[in-house]
């Protein structure tokens, strides 16, 4: 007679096996070369994911971070009635010469093919602390209509250092030619992940002056002020791919230009959720000062039209 707990003709149930628990670990292969491990580790720290069929993943994290950061920048822009950071700057006409250097990422059409491009360069103090306290200095570059009518390329760079890891952080400076400039966050073109930078050219004049903008004006007026335009891998130093020549100072109305690293193209785009958040934050901040500054909309639109004209923009007296 079968036991009371067992029905005739029915086999006892087998103990249920729990699936093995999986512990999340780093996606870096430990047997990879050291340079690859460093590259992947740095990319993960910056929020850069592996490329998928639809591009870099930004998703909800970028949305949340962008809205949070954008809210802070919007408040600051509203209080200043100007740009939240880099509120005051000076704008110069410029030219970017790309030489087709071997260091250029092959997937970035703009950086890999030789050519001369009309440019506008804005130099600024990021925080606006009183002089003579050193400030983070910015160099924003626009190549108007470089991909076609209304399709610009912007590069937003800040003073830093030309060393691995260090070129992901910002460092203050007292002169526009004191330190290298870095994009800090990476771009991707095909399989290449890289930073964009500008290095003061050793042959550029360095005249005296009251402050960094005064010295900048004096150097630019010689016609010999230039920077080495460069790229760096995530674990390397900057390598030149061209030369940025700075010309005459332009009118103050161009200080209202709205730069954004997502003004890009030619196979090159900002990588990672941090850059995705940056796009949302910039747009919210710029929209705020457009509404809070008297005549802000007129200033922004006039600056855009001025740069897009094929004729030379207005200049200011030295």
Protein backbone atom coordinates (compact mmCIF):
# COMPACT_ATOMS: atom_id res chain seq x y z
CA UNK A 1 0.00 0.00 0.00
CA UNK A 2 1.48 3.36 -0.97
CA UNK A 3 2.28 5.90 1.67
CA UNK A 4 -0.52 8.30 2.60
CA UNK A 5 1.21 11.23 1.07
CA UNK A 6 1.56 9.58 -2.36
CA UNK A 7 -1.30 9.06 -4.78
CA UNK A 8 -1.27 5.84 -6.80
CA UNK A 9 0.20 6.20 -10.31
CA UNK A 10 1.67 9.64 -9.70
CA UNK A 11 5.39 10.05 -9.22
CA UNK A 12 6.52 12.25 -6.38
CA UNK A 13 7.42 15.81 -7.39
CA UNK A 14 11.07 16.45 -7.91
CA UNK A 15 12.70 19.12 -5.81
CA UNK A 16 12.73 22.45 -7.68
CA UNK A 17 16.16 23.64 -8.65
CA UNK A 18 16.79 27.33 -8.27
CA UNK A 19 18.60 28.90 -11.23
CA UNK A 20 22.12 29.96 -10.40
CA UNK A 21 22.37 33.52 -9.20
CA UNK A 22 24.33 35.83 -11.46
CA UNK A 23 26.51 38.49 -10.03
CA UNK A 24 26.95 41.62 -12.14
CA UNK A 25 30.59 42.15 -12.94
CA UNK A 26 32.54 44.54 -15.08
CA UNK A 27 32.20 44.08 -18.82
CA UNK A 28 35.94 44.44 -19.22
CA UNK A 29 37.78 41.28 -20.21
CA UNK A 30 40.55 40.80 -17.69
CA UNK A 31 42.81 39.07 -20.20
CA UNK A 32 42.64 42.02 -22.62
CA UNK A 33 45.70 44.23 -23.24
CA UNK A 34 46.28 46.90 -20.61
CA UNK A 35 45.49 49.72 -23.03
CA UNK A 36 42.12 48.13 -23.83
CA UNK A 37 41.31 47.67 -20.13
CA UNK A 38 42.14 51.33 -19.45
CA UNK A 39 40.13 52.45 -22.47
CA UNK A 40 37.03 50.48 -21.43
CA UNK A 41 37.31 51.46 -17.77
CA UNK A 42 37.51 55.16 -18.63
CA UNK A 43 34.61 54.87 -21.05
CA UNK A 44 32.44 53.24 -18.38
CA UNK A 45 33.26 55.96 -15.89
CA UNK A 46 32.14 58.57 -18.43
CA UNK A 47 28.87 56.78 -19.11
CA UNK A 48 29.83 55.55 -22.57
CA UNK A 49 28.23 52.26 -23.53
CA UNK A 50 29.04 49.91 -26.35
CA UNK A 51 27.57 51.03 -29.64
CA UNK A 52 24.34 49.41 -30.72
CA UNK A 53 22.56 49.41 -34.05
CA UNK A 54 20.79 52.61 -33.09
CA UNK A 55 23.87 54.39 -31.73
CA UNK A 56 25.04 55.16 -28.19
CA UNK A 57 22.52 54.41 -25.46
CA UNK A 58 21.37 57.48 -23.55
CA UNK A 59 17.81 56.65 -22.54
CA UNK A 60 16.08 57.56 -19.36
CA UNK A 61 19.29 58.25 -17.44
CA UNK A 62 20.24 61.00 -19.88
CA UNK A 63 16.72 62.41 -19.74
CA UNK A 64 16.69 62.53 -15.94
CA UNK A 65 20.21 63.89 -15.63
CA UNK A 66 19.65 66.41 -18.40
CA UNK A 67 16.48 67.76 -16.84
CA UNK A 68 18.07 67.98 -13.39
CA UNK A 69 21.20 69.72 -14.65
CA UNK A 70 19.14 71.85 -16.99
CA UNK A 71 16.97 73.05 -14.11
CA UNK A 72 20.06 74.20 -12.20
CA UNK A 73 21.51 75.93 -15.26
CA UNK A 74 18.17 77.50 -16.06
CA UNK A 75 17.95 79.05 -12.59
CA UNK A 76 21.49 80.38 -12.91
CA UNK A 77 20.79 81.70 -16.41
CA UNK A 78 17.63 83.37 -15.16
CA UNK A 79 19.47 85.07 -12.29
CA UNK A 80 22.29 86.24 -14.55
CA UNK A 81 19.99 86.96 -17.51
CA UNK A 82 22.81 85.51 -19.57
CA UNK A 83 24.48 82.16 -20.19
CA UNK A 84 24.65 80.08 -17.01
CA UNK A 85 28.34 79.36 -17.53
CA UNK A 86 30.74 81.27 -19.75
CA UNK A 87 28.39 84.28 -19.44
CA UNK A 88 30.76 86.82 -21.00
CA UNK A 89 33.15 86.23 -23.83
CA UNK A 90 34.75 87.66 -26.94
CA UNK A 91 34.24 86.30 -30.45
CA UNK A 92 36.78 86.16 -33.27
CA UNK A 93 36.69 85.12 -36.86
CA UNK A 94 38.87 82.10 -37.45
CA UNK A 95 39.84 79.42 -39.94
CA UNK A 96 40.35 75.72 -39.31
CA UNK A 97 42.83 73.93 -41.55
CA UNK A 98 42.60 70.12 -41.47
CA UNK A 99 45.65 68.35 -42.89
CA UNK A 100 44.47 64.73 -43.09
CA UNK A 101 46.83 63.50 -40.38
CA UNK A 102 47.17 59.77 -39.60
CA UNK A 103 46.00 60.47 -36.04
CA UNK A 104 42.55 61.56 -37.24
CA UNK A 105 39.69 59.09 -36.72
CA UNK A 106 38.85 57.63 -40.13
CA UNK A 107 35.12 57.70 -39.47
CA UNK A 108 35.06 61.46 -38.87
CA UNK A 109 34.86 63.05 -42.31
CA UNK A 110 35.63 66.55 -41.05
CA UNK A 111 38.78 65.56 -39.17
CA UNK A 112 40.21 63.01 -41.60
CA UNK A 113 39.90 64.80 -44.94
CA UNK A 114 42.19 67.76 -45.78
CA UNK A 115 40.34 71.05 -46.09
CA UNK A 116 40.02 74.68 -45.02
CA UNK A 117 36.91 75.71 -43.11
CA UNK A 118 35.52 79.10 -42.13
CA UNK A 119 35.13 79.29 -38.35
CA UNK A 120 34.06 81.46 -35.44
CA UNK A 121 35.88 81.17 -32.11
CA UNK A 122 34.54 82.40 -28.76
CA UNK A 123 36.88 82.77 -25.77
CA UNK A 124 35.26 83.07 -22.35
CA UNK A 125 35.60 82.84 -18.58
CA UNK A 126 33.50 79.93 -17.36
CA UNK A 127 32.50 80.92 -13.84
CA UNK A 128 33.06 84.65 -13.91
CA UNK A 129 35.07 84.93 -10.69
CA UNK A 130 36.70 88.33 -10.16
CA UNK A 131 40.18 88.85 -11.55
CA UNK A 132 43.00 88.15 -10.78
CA UNK A 133 41.56 84.85 -9.51
CA UNK A 134 42.18 82.19 -12.20
CA UNK A 135 39.06 80.93 -13.95
CA UNK A 136 38.25 78.03 -16.23
CA UNK A 137 38.69 79.40 -19.74
CA UNK A 138 36.53 78.26 -22.61
CA UNK A 139 37.14 78.03 -26.34
CA UNK A 140 33.97 77.40 -28.37
CA UNK A 141 34.39 76.85 -32.10
CA UNK A 142 31.69 76.85 -34.76
CA UNK A 143 32.18 75.80 -38.36
CA UNK A 144 29.10 77.35 -40.01
CA UNK A 145 27.28 75.31 -42.66
CA UNK A 146 30.16 72.83 -42.85
CA UNK A 147 27.73 69.95 -43.54
CA UNK A 148 25.32 72.01 -45.64
CA UNK A 149 23.02 74.99 -45.14
CA UNK A 150 22.23 75.40 -41.44
CA UNK A 151 24.20 72.29 -40.46
CA UNK A 152 27.08 73.44 -38.27
CA UNK A 153 29.83 71.76 -36.30
CA UNK A 154 30.42 73.05 -32.77
CA UNK A 155 33.29 72.16 -30.46
CA UNK A 156 33.09 73.26 -26.80
CA UNK A 157 36.48 73.11 -25.12
CA UNK A 158 37.74 74.10 -21.65
CA UNK A 159 41.26 74.52 -20.22
CA UNK A 160 42.78 71.28 -19.00
CA UNK A 161 46.05 69.31 -19.26
CA UNK A 162 47.45 67.07 -21.98
CA UNK A 163 47.80 63.84 -19.99
CA UNK A 164 45.70 60.67 -19.79
CA UNK A 165 42.88 61.01 -17.23
CA UNK A 166 43.76 64.68 -16.66
CA UNK A 167 42.32 65.72 -20.01
CA UNK A 168 38.91 64.63 -18.71
CA UNK A 169 38.96 67.36 -16.05
CA UNK A 170 39.03 71.17 -16.14
CA UNK A 171 41.86 73.32 -14.81
CA UNK A 172 41.83 77.11 -14.26
CA UNK A 173 44.11 79.43 -16.20
CA UNK A 174 45.02 83.11 -16.32
CA UNK A 175 45.77 83.33 -20.04
CA UNK A 176 44.11 81.88 -23.14
CA UNK A 177 47.45 80.43 -24.24
CA UNK A 178 48.46 78.97 -20.88
CA UNK A 179 46.89 75.50 -21.09
CA UNK A 180 45.54 72.97 -23.60
CA UNK A 181 41.78 72.88 -24.16
CA UNK A 182 39.74 69.67 -24.07
CA UNK A 183 36.23 68.51 -24.91
CA UNK A 184 36.50 66.41 -21.70
CA UNK A 185 33.70 64.09 -22.86
CA UNK A 186 34.29 61.84 -25.87
CA UNK A 187 33.11 61.69 -29.45
CA UNK A 188 32.55 58.52 -31.43
CA UNK A 189 33.20 58.02 -35.12
CA UNK A 190 32.75 54.44 -36.37
CA UNK A 191 34.77 52.34 -33.90
CA UNK A 192 36.90 55.24 -32.62
CA UNK A 193 36.25 56.88 -29.26
CA UNK A 194 38.22 60.11 -28.83
CA UNK A 195 38.51 63.57 -27.32
CA UNK A 196 38.89 66.82 -29.24
CA UNK A 197 41.29 69.52 -28.10
CA UNK A 198 43.23 72.64 -28.99
CA UNK A 199 46.84 73.23 -27.97
CA UNK A 200 48.44 76.70 -27.88
CA UNK A 201 50.91 76.90 -30.76
CA UNK A 202 54.48 77.54 -29.56
CA UNK A 203 55.08 80.04 -32.38
CA UNK A 204 52.09 82.25 -31.49
CA UNK A 205 52.87 85.73 -30.09
CA UNK A 206 52.36 86.30 -26.37
CA UNK A 207 52.20 90.06 -25.84
CA UNK A 208 51.60 91.67 -22.44
CA UNK A 209 48.23 93.05 -21.40
CA UNK A 210 45.93 93.90 -18.47
CA UNK A 211 44.01 90.62 -18.57
CA UNK A 212 43.54 87.50 -20.69
CA UNK A 213 41.15 89.16 -23.15
CA UNK A 214 43.45 92.16 -23.59
CA UNK A 215 46.40 89.85 -24.32
CA UNK A 216 44.20 87.81 -26.66
CA UNK A 217 43.29 90.93 -28.62
CA UNK A 218 46.94 91.96 -28.91
CA UNK A 219 48.01 88.51 -30.09
CA UNK A 220 45.17 88.19 -32.61
CA UNK A 221 45.92 91.62 -34.08
CA UNK A 222 49.34 90.35 -35.23
CA UNK A 223 47.67 87.80 -37.52
CA UNK A 224 49.85 85.01 -36.11
CA UNK A 225 47.72 83.63 -33.26
CA UNK A 226 46.95 79.95 -33.74
CA UNK A 227 46.25 76.69 -31.93
CA UNK A 228 46.99 73.11 -32.87
CA UNK A 229 43.68 71.35 -33.35
CA UNK A 230 44.05 67.83 -32.01
CA UNK A 231 42.43 64.54 -31.02
CA UNK A 232 43.32 62.07 -28.28
CA UNK A 233 42.30 58.49 -27.59
CA UNK A 234 40.84 57.80 -24.18
CA UNK A 235 44.22 56.61 -22.93
CA UNK A 236 46.52 58.86 -24.98
CA UNK A 237 47.80 62.38 -25.39
CA UNK A 238 46.60 64.90 -27.96
CA UNK A 239 47.90 64.52 -31.51
CA UNK A 240 47.47 67.36 -34.02
CA UNK A 241 45.14 66.95 -36.98
CA UNK A 242 44.99 70.59 -38.04
CA UNK A 243 45.49 74.22 -37.12
CA UNK A 244 43.05 76.85 -35.87
CA UNK A 245 44.04 80.37 -36.92
CA UNK A 246 42.43 83.24 -35.00
CA UNK A 247 41.73 86.44 -36.91
CA UNK A 248 39.96 89.68 -36.11
CA UNK A 249 37.60 90.29 -33.25
CA UNK A 250 33.94 90.33 -34.24
CA UNK A 251 31.02 92.40 -32.98
CA UNK A 252 29.62 91.95 -29.49
CA UNK A 253 26.28 90.79 -30.87
CA UNK A 254 27.88 87.45 -31.73
CA UNK A 255 28.43 86.74 -28.04
CA UNK A 256 24.81 85.55 -28.03
CA UNK A 257 25.62 82.52 -30.20
CA UNK A 258 24.18 79.26 -28.85
CA UNK A 259 26.89 76.59 -29.01
CA UNK A 260 25.98 72.94 -28.49
CA UNK A 261 28.19 69.85 -28.90
CA UNK A 262 25.25 68.13 -30.59
CA UNK A 263 25.64 70.49 -33.54
CA UNK A 264 27.67 67.83 -35.30
CA UNK A 265 27.74 65.46 -38.26
CA UNK A 266 29.98 63.80 -40.82
CA UNK A 267 30.01 60.48 -38.96
CA UNK A 268 31.05 62.09 -35.66
CA UNK A 269 28.78 62.42 -32.64
CA UNK A 270 29.10 62.92 -28.86
CA UNK A 271 29.14 59.59 -27.02
CA UNK A 272 27.51 58.47 -23.80
CA UNK A 273 24.64 59.42 -21.54
CA UNK A 274 26.56 62.34 -20.03
CA UNK A 275 26.69 63.97 -23.43
CA UNK A 276 23.01 63.17 -23.87
CA UNK A 277 22.24 64.93 -20.61
CA UNK A 278 24.39 67.84 -21.68
CA UNK A 279 22.29 68.40 -24.79
CA UNK A 280 19.07 68.65 -22.79
CA UNK A 281 20.65 70.87 -20.15
CA UNK A 282 22.11 73.30 -22.70
CA UNK A 283 18.81 73.69 -24.52
CA UNK A 284 16.90 74.38 -21.32
CA UNK A 285 19.48 76.90 -20.10
CA UNK A 286 19.61 78.72 -23.44
CA UNK A 287 15.84 78.86 -23.65
CA UNK A 288 15.72 80.40 -20.17
CA UNK A 289 18.06 83.29 -20.86
CA UNK A 290 16.33 83.79 -24.20
CA UNK A 291 13.16 84.57 -22.21
CA UNK A 292 14.58 86.33 -19.17
CA UNK A 293 17.10 88.67 -20.80
CA UNK A 294 15.65 91.77 -22.36
CA UNK A 295 15.71 91.24 -26.11
CA UNK A 296 17.25 87.79 -25.61
CA UNK A 297 15.37 86.19 -28.49
CA UNK A 298 16.37 88.99 -30.84
CA UNK A 299 20.02 88.75 -29.78
CA UNK A 300 20.20 84.97 -30.26
CA UNK A 301 18.46 84.99 -33.64
CA UNK A 302 20.55 87.91 -34.91
CA UNK A 303 23.77 86.15 -33.89
CA UNK A 304 22.72 82.99 -35.73
CA UNK A 305 21.91 84.93 -38.91
CA UNK A 306 25.16 86.89 -38.71
CA UNK A 307 27.29 83.74 -38.66
CA UNK A 308 25.34 81.99 -41.41
CA UNK A 309 25.85 84.83 -43.86
CA UNK A 310 28.50 84.08 -46.49
CA UNK A 311 29.82 87.63 -46.19
CA UNK A 312 32.27 88.64 -43.49
CA UNK A 313 30.68 89.38 -40.09
CA UNK A 314 31.04 92.83 -38.58
CA UNK A 315 34.19 93.55 -36.61
CA UNK A 316 35.00 95.76 -33.68
CA UNK A 317 37.73 98.31 -33.47
CA UNK A 318 40.97 97.05 -31.90
